[in-house]
Amino acid sequence: MGAKKLQRVALFLVLGVIAVLPVRAAADNLLSWKNPTFYSDGTSIPPSLQASIETRLYYSYDNSAWTLFATVPNGGTSWKGLLPLAEIVQGFYAITSTIPGQGIESTMAGSNQYPPPVAEGDTFTVSLGSSRDTYVNLGRFSLETYSTASVIRTYTWPARNVANRGFIQWDLSPLPPDITVVNATLGLFYAEESGGGGDSPYKVSVAKVTGVEPVLDLANWNTYDGVTPWSAGGDGGRANLAVPESSALVSKTHGWVTWDVTKMVQEWMAAPETNRGMAVDADNSATSDSNRYFASREYPDLYPRPQLVVTYKKNPNVTVVVDNCTDTFVNLGRYANIVFSAEPLIGTYTWPARNVANRGFIHWDLSSLPSDITVTNVTLGLYYVTEDNGGGDNTYKVSVAKVTGVRPVLDRSTWNTYDGVTPWSGGWDGGGANLAAPESFVLIGKTHGWAVWDVTNMVQEWVAAPATNRGMAIDADDTANADSNRFFASREYPDPDLRPQLVITYQPNRQ
């Protein structure tokens, strides 16, 4: 019999948790499936061959590029073990089947996402293991680096003095940006001690690193990067630690020890540039030679390595329509000193050919938005209501750009001045020199209705720095023929439903 392709396999489930302390991850993830009984051409697979089906398991970061991570021979229908993407928030898993030496590999089964997508408002817990760590040591070991050591040491010597201090930096990039951290727990596995460990219990504290960003593969007691002293000199980084966030009293029973580091991780997520890592600090109240050693990132067994368990909630999207604005347009030539802020229209007009003759301006009041938000999408909506003498060109490009350099006073602005007195930065140019590069444009035909521009970046900048909100320009087509034009309903238009709108979608940063 020639080689034949097997039917697609159905991957039924992905069960378990990803290393949520103190559960051993390798025993808690299960993939199961039902093997095919037919070839892809509809003919039956003989029972004698069904028992030899080999299932191939694949993973992907992006549901596109796949990597083989396991095979299950002899007709097996399940796999149990440590998922290869256990250190990221979400991964994709899929399988194929074949009969070795006889069948062609089947089409890949539809992929399963794990952990499953998080709905807005839902909470989800993940365990992150992507970290770097080291410890530093005083005295004659003050220039040694320990980033490749299998343990993170905390040691007191002499009495009531920290002699070894650990450092850990966490990669939080797998966490989505649009979340609220509800809880974060650091888990370290107490694996060893020296000379019996001394005092019991032994207080180990966790504090945020501040002021410098240690280079952990080079850091030592005297320097944070192998060259530059810590802020207070050779103190093992003590002066670069914030007040301890939490502490644990560690007995002499080996096993997981946990610390609440919620506040620290919340601050890192709100301002990623402040993520300089954490210190795992020895007991400065213990007797001499008391100590506890924790499994590091380099520990031979995967299970006891450091873990950061983060519970988060995906923030819901909020969409609001902002219509609180002032607007006008300016006009060149003999109208250059006329104010049009009371007009029911915002004019865009080309005259002569390839030259802007009317330019609109809108200033938005964003004070109704909450202060602590992440803006994800913004659209400007203007209603095209009329044109002059047929509107000229059948397709007319209208651009939107941010106003810079000056803040126009729109009830006084003219072609020549931005406040009725002071010329624009480029002189009598209708504000042309005060416009940033266009953020977006729309090609408008001659059918009246809503025109929509993406102005997300502009509004994001205004929300981040309100003082830069000098408004936006609605710019005429500088490539059109003479007398081409489009007029939009302004804030003063009689029908309120057709007035300018700014549709803003955002996510609250805290709940």
Protein backbone atom coordinates (compact mmCIF):
# COMPACT_ATOMS: atom_id res chain seq x y z
CA MET A 1 0.00 0.00 0.00
CA GLY A 2 1.30 3.46 -0.83
CA ALA A 3 1.60 6.14 1.77
CA LYS A 4 -1.76 7.65 2.63
CA LYS A 5 -2.63 10.75 4.65
CA LEU A 6 -4.59 10.30 7.88
CA GLN A 7 -7.67 12.30 8.78
CA ARG A 8 -7.24 15.38 10.94
CA VAL A 9 -7.12 14.65 14.67
CA ALA A 10 -9.30 16.42 17.22
CA LEU A 11 -7.41 17.83 20.20
CA PHE A 12 -10.01 17.67 22.93
CA LEU A 13 -8.68 19.39 25.98
CA VAL A 14 -5.91 21.19 27.70
CA LEU A 15 -6.28 20.88 31.44
CA GLY A 16 -4.39 21.92 34.51
CA VAL A 17 -2.62 24.95 35.88
CA ILE A 18 0.72 26.44 35.06
CA ALA A 19 2.95 26.09 38.10
CA VAL A 20 0.71 27.88 40.58
CA LEU A 21 2.52 27.35 43.87
CA PRO A 22 2.96 24.88 45.40
CA VAL A 23 1.65 22.53 42.69
CA ARG A 24 4.24 20.76 40.57
CA ALA A 25 3.58 21.91 37.00
CA ALA A 26 5.00 18.84 35.26
CA ALA A 27 2.26 16.65 36.74
CA ASP A 28 -0.64 18.94 36.08
CA ASN A 29 -0.97 19.56 32.33
CA LEU A 30 -2.91 17.08 30.21
CA LEU A 31 -3.58 17.02 26.48
CA SER A 32 -5.91 14.34 25.17
CA TRP A 33 -7.31 13.41 21.78
CA LYS A 34 -9.09 10.71 19.81
CA ASN A 35 -7.05 8.98 17.15
CA PRO A 36 -8.42 8.85 13.58
CA THR A 37 -9.97 5.68 12.20
CA PHE A 38 -9.99 6.83 8.57
CA TYR A 39 -7.54 8.06 6.02
CA SER A 40 -8.23 11.47 4.50
CA ASP A 41 -9.71 9.76 1.43
CA GLY A 42 -12.41 8.18 3.58
CA THR A 43 -11.06 4.63 3.63
CA SER A 44 -10.73 2.86 6.96
CA ILE A 45 -7.43 2.45 8.76
CA PRO A 46 -6.98 -1.27 9.53
CA PRO A 47 -7.21 -2.01 13.27
CA SER A 48 -3.74 -3.52 13.15
CA LEU A 49 -2.36 -0.12 12.07
CA GLN A 50 -4.48 2.02 14.39
CA ALA A 51 -2.44 0.73 17.31
CA SER A 52 0.73 2.08 15.70
CA ILE A 53 -0.46 5.65 15.17
CA GLU A 54 2.05 8.23 16.31
CA THR A 55 0.73 11.58 17.53
CA ARG A 56 2.94 14.64 17.23
CA LEU A 57 2.39 17.61 19.57
CA TYR A 58 3.25 21.15 18.51
CA TYR A 59 3.29 24.53 20.20
CA SER A 60 3.27 28.09 18.87
CA TYR A 61 3.66 31.59 20.27
CA ASP A 62 1.55 33.18 17.55
CA ASN A 63 -0.71 30.42 16.16
CA SER A 64 1.36 30.51 12.98
CA ALA A 65 4.92 29.17 13.43
CA TRP A 66 4.82 25.71 15.01
CA THR A 67 7.48 23.69 16.86
CA LEU A 68 7.31 19.98 17.67
CA PHE A 69 7.72 19.35 21.42
CA ALA A 70 6.56 15.76 22.00
CA THR A 71 5.51 12.55 20.26
CA VAL A 72 3.19 9.85 21.60
CA PRO A 73 3.69 6.44 19.92
CA ASN A 74 1.68 3.23 19.73
CA GLY A 75 -1.81 4.66 19.46
CA GLY A 76 -1.62 6.73 22.65
CA THR A 77 -4.42 9.21 23.22
CA SER A 78 -3.01 11.54 25.87
CA TRP A 79 0.11 13.35 27.01
CA LYS A 80 0.93 14.68 30.46
CA GLY A 81 3.80 16.94 31.39
CA LEU A 82 5.25 20.43 31.53
CA LEU A 83 3.92 22.63 28.73
CA PRO A 84 6.79 24.21 26.76
CA LEU A 85 5.25 27.68 27.01
CA ALA A 86 4.65 27.52 30.75
CA GLU A 87 6.52 30.78 31.26
CA ILE A 88 4.32 32.90 29.05
CA VAL A 89 0.75 33.96 29.54
CA GLN A 90 -0.73 32.31 26.47
CA GLY A 91 0.37 29.75 23.94
CA PHE A 92 -1.19 27.60 21.23
CA TYR A 93 -1.17 23.81 21.00
CA ALA A 94 -2.03 21.53 18.09
CA ILE A 95 -1.41 17.93 17.01
CA THR A 96 -1.03 15.76 13.95
CA SER A 97 -0.96 11.99 13.49
CA THR A 98 0.82 9.55 11.25
CA ILE A 99 1.60 5.85 10.93
CA PRO A 100 5.40 5.57 10.99
CA GLY A 101 6.75 4.18 7.75
CA GLN A 102 3.31 3.96 6.19
CA GLY A 103 1.19 7.10 6.53
CA ILE A 104 1.64 10.74 5.64
CA GLU A 105 1.31 13.19 8.52
CA SER A 106 -2.24 14.46 8.88
CA THR A 107 -3.32 18.06 8.55
CA MET A 108 -2.74 19.94 11.81
CA ALA A 109 -5.72 19.94 14.13
CA GLY A 110 -7.34 23.23 15.01
CA SER A 111 -5.24 24.83 17.74
CA ASN A 112 -6.21 25.25 21.38
CA GLN A 113 -5.19 28.34 23.27
CA TYR A 114 -3.91 27.92 26.83
CA PRO A 115 -4.33 29.60 29.19
CA PRO A 116 -7.67 30.45 27.54
CA PRO A 117 -8.44 34.02 26.45
CA VAL A 118 -9.37 36.30 29.30
CA ALA A 119 -12.70 38.08 28.98
CA GLU A 120 -12.95 41.69 30.04
CA GLY A 121 -13.50 41.89 33.77
CA ASP A 122 -12.47 38.27 34.38
CA THR A 123 -9.59 37.41 36.68
CA PHE A 124 -6.84 35.03 35.70
CA THR A 125 -3.77 33.66 37.44
CA VAL A 126 -0.48 32.88 35.72
CA SER A 127 2.93 31.89 36.94
CA LEU A 128 5.92 33.64 35.43
CA GLY A 129 9.31 31.99 35.59
CA SER A 130 11.28 34.21 33.23
CA SER A 131 13.80 35.83 35.54
CA ARG A 132 17.46 36.50 36.25
CA ASP A 133 18.98 36.26 39.69
CA THR A 134 22.15 36.43 41.76
CA TYR A 135 23.32 37.15 45.27
CA VAL A 136 26.11 39.33 46.59
CA ASN A 137 28.62 38.57 49.34
CA LEU A 138 30.61 40.87 51.60
CA GLY A 139 34.18 40.77 52.86
CA ARG A 140 36.77 38.93 50.83
CA PHE A 141 34.03 37.82 48.41
CA SER A 142 32.79 41.39 47.72
CA LEU A 143 33.99 41.35 44.09
CA GLU A 144 32.66 37.87 43.28
CA THR A 145 29.62 37.34 41.07
CA TYR A 146 27.16 34.56 41.76
CA SER A 147 24.68 34.82 38.87
CA THR A 148 25.40 31.23 37.80
CA ALA A 149 25.04 29.78 41.29
CA SER A 150 22.28 27.23 41.81
CA VAL A 151 21.03 28.98 44.94
CA ILE A 152 20.17 32.49 46.12
CA ARG A 153 21.83 32.88 49.49
CA THR A 154 20.63 34.90 52.45
CA TYR A 155 23.20 34.92 55.27
CA THR A 156 23.74 36.83 58.51
CA TRP A 157 27.31 37.56 59.63
CA PRO A 158 28.33 38.80 62.06
CA ALA A 159 25.23 38.90 64.26
CA ARG A 160 22.51 41.30 63.13
CA ASN A 161 24.29 42.09 59.85
CA VAL A 162 23.41 41.13 56.27
CA ALA A 163 26.30 39.25 54.63
CA ASN A 164 24.50 37.75 51.60
CA ARG A 165 21.63 39.43 49.77
CA GLY A 166 19.78 38.06 46.75
CA PHE A 167 18.49 39.93 43.71
CA ILE A 168 15.87 38.88 41.15
CA GLN A 169 14.66 40.67 38.02
CA TRP A 170 11.42 39.58 36.36
CA ASP A 171 10.44 39.81 32.71
CA LEU A 172 6.83 41.02 32.81
CA SER A 173 6.54 41.55 29.04
CA PRO A 174 4.29 38.50 28.55
CA LEU A 175 1.57 40.15 30.65
CA PRO A 176 -0.99 42.10 28.61
CA PRO A 177 -0.75 45.88 29.07
CA ASP A 178 -4.50 46.34 29.59
CA ILE A 179 -4.77 44.66 32.99
CA THR A 180 -5.20 45.44 36.65
CA VAL A 181 -2.92 43.37 38.87
CA VAL A 182 -5.05 42.00 41.70
CA ASN A 183 -2.40 39.98 43.49
CA ALA A 184 1.25 39.01 43.02
CA THR A 185 3.11 36.39 45.04
CA LEU A 186 6.82 35.63 44.94
CA GLY A 187 7.60 31.97 45.48
CA LEU A 188 11.09 30.75 46.37
CA PHE A 189 11.95 27.18 47.26
CA TYR A 190 13.98 26.87 50.46
CA ALA A 191 16.40 24.16 49.36
CA GLU A 192 19.53 24.30 51.51
CA GLU A 193 21.33 25.85 54.45
CA SER A 194 24.87 26.00 55.78
CA GLY A 195 25.95 24.68 59.14
CA GLY A 196 22.42 23.82 60.19
CA GLY A 197 21.04 27.25 59.25
CA GLY A 198 21.33 28.87 62.68
CA ASP A 199 18.24 30.62 64.01
CA SER A 200 14.76 29.25 63.49
CA PRO A 201 12.70 30.99 62.39
CA TYR A 202 14.76 33.24 60.12
CA LYS A 203 13.21 36.41 58.68
CA VAL A 204 13.71 36.93 54.93
CA SER A 205 12.38 40.19 53.48
CA VAL A 206 11.63 41.30 49.93
CA ALA A 207 12.12 44.91 48.82
CA LYS A 208 12.00 46.81 45.56
CA VAL A 209 15.30 47.96 44.04
CA THR A 210 15.45 51.72 43.42
CA GLY A 211 17.86 54.26 41.98
CA VAL A 212 19.97 51.90 39.87
CA GLU A 213 19.28 48.94 37.61
CA PRO A 214 21.62 46.11 38.61
CA VAL A 215 23.26 44.08 35.85
CA LEU A 216 22.81 40.77 37.60
CA ASP A 217 25.41 38.77 35.73
CA LEU A 218 28.03 41.38 36.78
CA ALA A 219 26.73 42.71 40.10
CA ASN A 220 28.70 42.14 43.30
CA TRP A 221 28.75 43.49 46.84
CA ASN A 222 30.67 46.61 45.80
CA THR A 223 29.14 47.42 42.38
CA TYR A 224 25.78 47.01 40.68
CA ASP A 225 27.27 46.40 37.21
CA GLY A 226 30.80 45.18 37.88
CA VAL A 227 32.19 48.72 37.62
CA THR A 228 29.91 51.36 39.17
CA PRO A 229 29.48 51.41 42.96
CA TRP A 230 26.03 51.12 44.44
CA SER A 231 24.55 54.49 45.44
CA ALA A 232 26.08 54.29 48.93
CA GLY A 233 29.27 52.49 47.88
CA GLY A 234 30.18 48.96 48.91
CA ASP A 235 27.02 48.14 50.87
CA GLY A 236 25.67 45.30 48.75
CA GLY A 237 22.94 47.61 47.45
CA ARG A 238 21.35 48.25 50.84
CA ALA A 239 20.83 51.98 50.16
CA ASN A 240 19.13 51.10 46.87
CA LEU A 241 16.33 49.17 48.54
CA ALA A 242 12.90 50.56 49.28
CA VAL A 243 11.18 49.70 52.54
CA PRO A 244 10.61 45.92 52.60
CA GLU A 245 7.26 45.07 51.05
CA SER A 246 6.82 41.81 52.92
CA SER A 247 8.74 39.30 54.99
CA ALA A 248 8.47 35.60 55.77
CA LEU A 249 9.61 33.69 58.84
CA VAL A 250 11.41 30.66 57.43
CA SER A 251 11.74 27.56 59.56
CA LYS A 252 14.11 24.68 58.81
CA THR A 253 11.64 22.67 56.74
CA HIS A 254 12.59 22.75 53.09
CA GLY A 255 9.81 23.82 50.72
CA TRP A 256 8.07 26.77 49.12
CA VAL A 257 8.15 30.15 50.84
CA THR A 258 5.91 32.95 49.58
CA TRP A 259 5.86 36.73 49.85
CA ASP A 260 3.11 39.17 48.89
CA VAL A 261 4.64 41.54 46.31
CA THR A 262 1.39 42.90 44.87
CA LYS A 263 2.22 46.59 45.32
CA MET A 264 5.64 46.17 43.72
CA VAL A 265 4.28 44.46 40.61
CA GLN A 266 1.40 46.94 40.32
CA GLU A 267 3.95 49.76 40.26
CA TRP A 268 6.06 47.97 37.65
CA MET A 269 3.05 47.43 35.40
CA ALA A 270 2.01 51.07 35.73
CA ALA A 271 5.56 52.30 35.02
CA PRO A 272 7.66 49.53 33.42
CA GLU A 273 10.80 51.66 33.50
CA THR A 274 10.79 51.37 37.31
CA ASN A 275 11.15 47.58 37.17
CA ARG A 276 14.73 47.32 38.45
CA GLY A 277 14.07 44.07 40.24
CA MET A 278 13.69 43.00 43.85
CA ALA A 279 16.05 42.15 46.66
CA VAL A 280 15.70 39.03 48.81
CA ASP A 281 17.23 40.18 52.06
CA ALA A 282 18.80 38.30 54.94
CA ASP A 283 17.70 38.64 58.56
CA ASN A 284 19.43 41.64 60.14
CA SER A 285 18.22 40.59 63.59
CA ALA A 286 19.57 37.03 63.55
CA THR A 287 22.60 35.57 65.27
CA SER A 288 25.86 35.09 63.39
CA ASP A 289 25.94 32.45 60.64
CA SER A 290 22.17 32.04 60.45
CA ASN A 291 21.17 31.50 56.84
CA ARG A 292 18.69 30.14 54.30
CA TYR A 293 19.45 29.23 50.63
CA PHE A 294 16.77 29.27 47.96
CA ALA A 295 16.74 27.55 44.57
CA SER A 296 17.81 29.97 41.84
CA ARG A 297 17.04 30.18 38.16
CA GLU A 298 20.05 27.90 37.64
CA TYR A 299 18.86 25.17 40.01
CA PRO A 300 19.18 21.75 38.32
CA ASP A 301 15.53 20.78 38.90
CA LEU A 302 12.97 22.94 37.09
CA TYR A 303 10.30 22.63 39.76
CA PRO A 304 11.95 24.62 42.60
CA ARG A 305 13.06 27.59 40.51
CA PRO A 306 11.75 31.08 41.39
CA GLN A 307 8.20 31.86 40.36
CA LEU A 308 6.09 34.99 40.32
CA VAL A 309 2.38 34.17 40.49
CA VAL A 310 0.29 37.07 39.18
CA THR A 311 -3.48 37.32 39.37
CA TYR A 312 -4.88 39.99 37.12
CA LYS A 313 -8.10 41.32 35.71
CA LYS A 314 -8.41 42.44 32.13
CA ASN A 315 -9.72 45.98 32.16
CA PRO A 316 -12.97 46.57 30.29
CA ASN A 317 -13.06 48.92 27.34
CA VAL A 318 -15.08 52.09 27.80
CA THR A 319 -16.27 54.08 24.79
CA VAL A 320 -17.48 57.64 25.13
CA VAL A 321 -18.54 60.30 22.65
CA VAL A 322 -17.05 63.74 23.31
CA ASP A 323 -18.84 66.62 21.62
CA ASN A 324 -17.69 69.51 23.81
CA CYS A 325 -15.60 71.53 21.41
CA THR A 326 -15.04 74.92 19.82
CA ASP A 327 -14.40 75.28 16.10
CA THR A 328 -13.86 77.70 13.24
CA PHE A 329 -12.28 77.94 9.84
CA VAL A 330 -9.95 80.53 8.34
CA ASN A 331 -10.03 82.03 4.86
CA LEU A 332 -7.31 83.68 2.79
CA GLY A 333 -7.33 86.75 0.55
CA ARG A 334 -9.86 89.46 1.21
CA TYR A 335 -11.31 87.30 4.03
CA ALA A 336 -7.98 86.92 5.82
CA ASN A 337 -9.08 89.02 8.81
CA ILE A 338 -12.62 87.65 9.10
CA VAL A 339 -13.61 85.36 12.01
CA PHE A 340 -15.86 82.40 11.14
CA SER A 341 -16.31 80.78 14.57
CA ALA A 342 -20.07 81.47 14.61
CA GLU A 343 -20.66 79.80 11.24
CA PRO A 344 -22.65 76.54 11.06
CA LEU A 345 -19.99 75.06 8.76
CA ILE A 346 -16.30 74.17 8.82
CA GLY A 347 -14.96 74.96 5.37
CA THR A 348 -12.21 73.19 3.44
CA TYR A 349 -11.53 74.88 0.10
CA THR A 350 -8.82 74.78 -2.56
CA TRP A 351 -7.98 77.98 -4.44
CA PRO A 352 -6.17 78.47 -6.66
CA ALA A 353 -5.31 74.94 -7.78
CA ARG A 354 -3.19 72.92 -5.32
CA ASN A 355 -3.44 75.58 -2.61
CA VAL A 356 -5.32 75.59 0.70
CA ALA A 357 -7.73 78.52 0.89
CA ASN A 358 -9.93 77.42 3.84
CA ARG A 359 -8.67 75.45 6.79
CA GLY A 360 -10.77 74.30 9.77
CA PHE A 361 -9.75 74.17 13.42
CA ILE A 362 -11.34 72.27 16.32
CA HIS A 363 -10.38 72.33 19.98
CA TRP A 364 -11.71 69.52 22.19
CA ASP A 365 -12.44 69.72 25.90
CA LEU A 366 -11.24 66.37 27.31
CA SER A 367 -11.77 67.26 30.97
CA SER A 368 -14.64 64.77 31.24
CA LEU A 369 -12.23 61.83 30.76
CA PRO A 370 -10.96 60.07 33.90
CA SER A 371 -7.37 60.92 34.72
CA ASP A 372 -5.90 57.40 34.93
CA ILE A 373 -6.73 55.74 31.61
CA THR A 374 -5.09 54.17 28.60
CA VAL A 375 -6.58 55.46 25.36
CA THR A 376 -6.79 52.63 22.83
CA ASN A 377 -8.71 54.14 19.91
CA VAL A 378 -10.05 57.55 18.87
CA THR A 379 -11.97 58.59 15.78
CA LEU A 380 -12.99 62.05 14.66
CA GLY A 381 -16.38 62.24 12.99
CA LEU A 382 -17.44 65.18 10.82
CA TYR A 383 -20.65 65.29 8.82
CA TYR A 384 -20.20 66.39 5.21
CA VAL A 385 -23.31 68.49 4.63
CA THR A 386 -22.73 70.72 1.63
CA GLU A 387 -20.36 72.08 -1.00
CA ASP A 388 -20.01 75.22 -3.12
CA ASN A 389 -20.79 75.11 -6.84
CA GLY A 390 -20.78 71.34 -7.04
CA GLY A 391 -17.64 70.84 -4.92
CA GLY A 392 -15.18 70.53 -7.81
CA ASP A 393 -13.12 67.33 -7.85
CA ASN A 394 -15.11 64.13 -7.39
CA THR A 395 -12.66 62.86 -4.78
CA TYR A 396 -11.31 65.38 -2.32
CA LYS A 397 -8.66 64.61 0.31
CA VAL A 398 -9.24 66.14 3.73
CA SER A 399 -6.46 65.68 6.30
CA VAL A 400 -6.35 66.05 10.08
CA ALA A 401 -3.22 67.32 11.83
CA LYS A 402 -2.28 68.34 15.35
CA VAL A 403 -1.77 72.05 16.06
CA THR A 404 1.66 72.84 17.53
CA GLY A 405 3.57 75.84 18.80
CA VAL A 406 0.60 78.13 19.52
CA ARG A 407 -2.83 77.70 21.07
CA PRO A 408 -5.37 79.31 18.74
CA VAL A 409 -8.18 81.34 20.31
CA LEU A 410 -10.84 80.03 17.96
CA ASP A 411 -13.43 82.76 18.49
CA ARG A 412 -10.78 85.25 17.31
CA SER A 413 -8.57 83.28 14.92
CA THR A 414 -8.23 84.41 11.32
CA TRP A 415 -6.05 83.52 8.37
CA ASN A 416 -3.49 86.09 9.53
CA THR A 417 -3.55 85.65 13.33
CA TYR A 418 -4.19 82.85 15.80
CA ASP A 419 -5.77 85.10 18.46
CA GLY A 420 -6.97 88.13 16.52
CA VAL A 421 -3.69 89.97 17.18
CA THR A 422 -0.63 87.73 16.99
CA PRO A 423 0.46 86.28 13.64
CA TRP A 424 0.79 82.51 13.25
CA SER A 425 4.34 81.18 13.54
CA GLY A 426 4.69 81.23 9.75
CA GLY A 427 3.09 84.63 9.39
CA TRP A 428 -0.06 85.06 7.29
CA ASP A 429 -0.32 81.40 6.36
CA GLY A 430 -3.58 80.34 8.01
CA GLY A 431 -1.59 78.34 10.57
CA GLY A 432 0.10 76.12 8.00
CA ALA A 433 3.47 76.26 9.78
CA ASN A 434 1.81 75.34 13.06
CA LEU A 435 0.59 71.95 11.89
CA ALA A 436 2.30 68.65 12.59
CA ALA A 437 2.43 66.06 9.85
CA PRO A 438 -1.12 64.92 9.03
CA GLU A 439 -2.21 62.08 11.29
CA SER A 440 -4.78 60.73 8.85
CA PHE A 441 -6.79 61.69 5.81
CA VAL A 442 -10.05 60.73 4.14
CA LEU A 443 -10.93 60.75 0.46
CA ILE A 444 -14.39 62.28 0.27
CA GLY A 445 -16.70 61.82 -2.68
CA LYS A 446 -19.88 63.81 -3.19
CA THR A 447 -22.27 61.79 -1.05
CA HIS A 448 -23.24 63.67 2.08
CA GLY A 449 -22.68 61.80 5.34
CA TRP A 450 -20.21 61.05 8.08
CA ALA A 451 -16.48 61.16 7.36
CA VAL A 452 -14.24 59.49 9.95
CA TRP A 453 -10.52 59.97 10.72
CA ASP A 454 -8.29 57.95 13.05
CA VAL A 455 -6.78 60.41 15.54
CA THR A 456 -5.70 57.91 18.21
CA ASN A 457 -2.09 59.02 18.46
CA MET A 458 -3.03 62.69 18.76
CA VAL A 459 -5.48 62.14 21.61
CA GLN A 460 -3.13 59.72 23.38
CA GLU A 461 -0.55 62.52 23.43
CA TRP A 462 -3.10 65.02 24.73
CA VAL A 463 -4.22 62.69 27.53
CA ALA A 464 -0.60 62.00 28.51
CA ALA A 465 0.32 65.71 28.38
CA PRO A 466 -2.83 67.89 28.51
CA ALA A 467 -0.81 71.08 27.98
CA THR A 468 -0.09 69.94 24.40
CA ASN A 469 -3.79 69.94 23.52
CA ARG A 470 -3.83 72.94 21.20
CA GLY A 471 -6.46 71.43 18.96
CA MET A 472 -6.52 69.95 15.48
CA ALA A 473 -6.67 71.32 11.96
CA ILE A 474 -9.07 70.07 9.27
CA ASP A 475 -7.06 70.71 6.17
CA ALA A 476 -8.16 71.22 2.58
CA ASP A 477 -6.78 69.24 -0.36
CA ASP A 478 -3.54 70.85 -1.59
CA THR A 479 -3.53 68.62 -4.69
CA ALA A 480 -7.02 69.47 -5.92
CA ASN A 481 -8.19 71.72 -8.75
CA ALA A 482 -9.23 75.30 -8.04
CA ASP A 483 -12.59 75.74 -6.28
CA SER A 484 -12.78 72.13 -5.13
CA ASN A 485 -14.28 72.07 -1.63
CA ARG A 486 -16.18 70.24 1.11
CA PHE A 487 -18.09 71.79 4.02
CA PHE A 488 -18.79 70.00 7.31
CA ALA A 489 -21.33 70.64 10.07
CA SER A 490 -19.75 72.73 12.85
CA ARG A 491 -20.53 73.03 16.54
CA GLU A 492 -23.04 75.72 15.55
CA TYR A 493 -24.94 73.55 13.05
CA PRO A 494 -28.73 73.61 13.75
CA ASP A 495 -29.05 69.80 13.93
CA PRO A 496 -27.11 68.67 17.03
CA ASP A 497 -26.91 65.09 15.76
CA LEU A 498 -24.64 66.21 12.90
CA ARG A 499 -22.17 68.22 14.96
CA PRO A 500 -18.50 67.16 15.35
CA GLN A 501 -17.84 64.09 17.49
CA LEU A 502 -14.76 62.52 19.01
CA VAL A 503 -15.34 58.83 19.81
CA ILE A 504 -12.81 57.68 22.42
CA THR A 505 -12.25 54.11 23.58
CA TYR A 506 -10.14 53.72 26.69
CA GLN A 507 -9.35 51.33 29.53
CA PRO A 508 -9.18 52.34 33.17
CA ASN A 509 -5.70 51.68 34.54
CA ARG A 510 -6.98 50.98 38.03
CA GLN A 511 -10.27 49.74 39.41
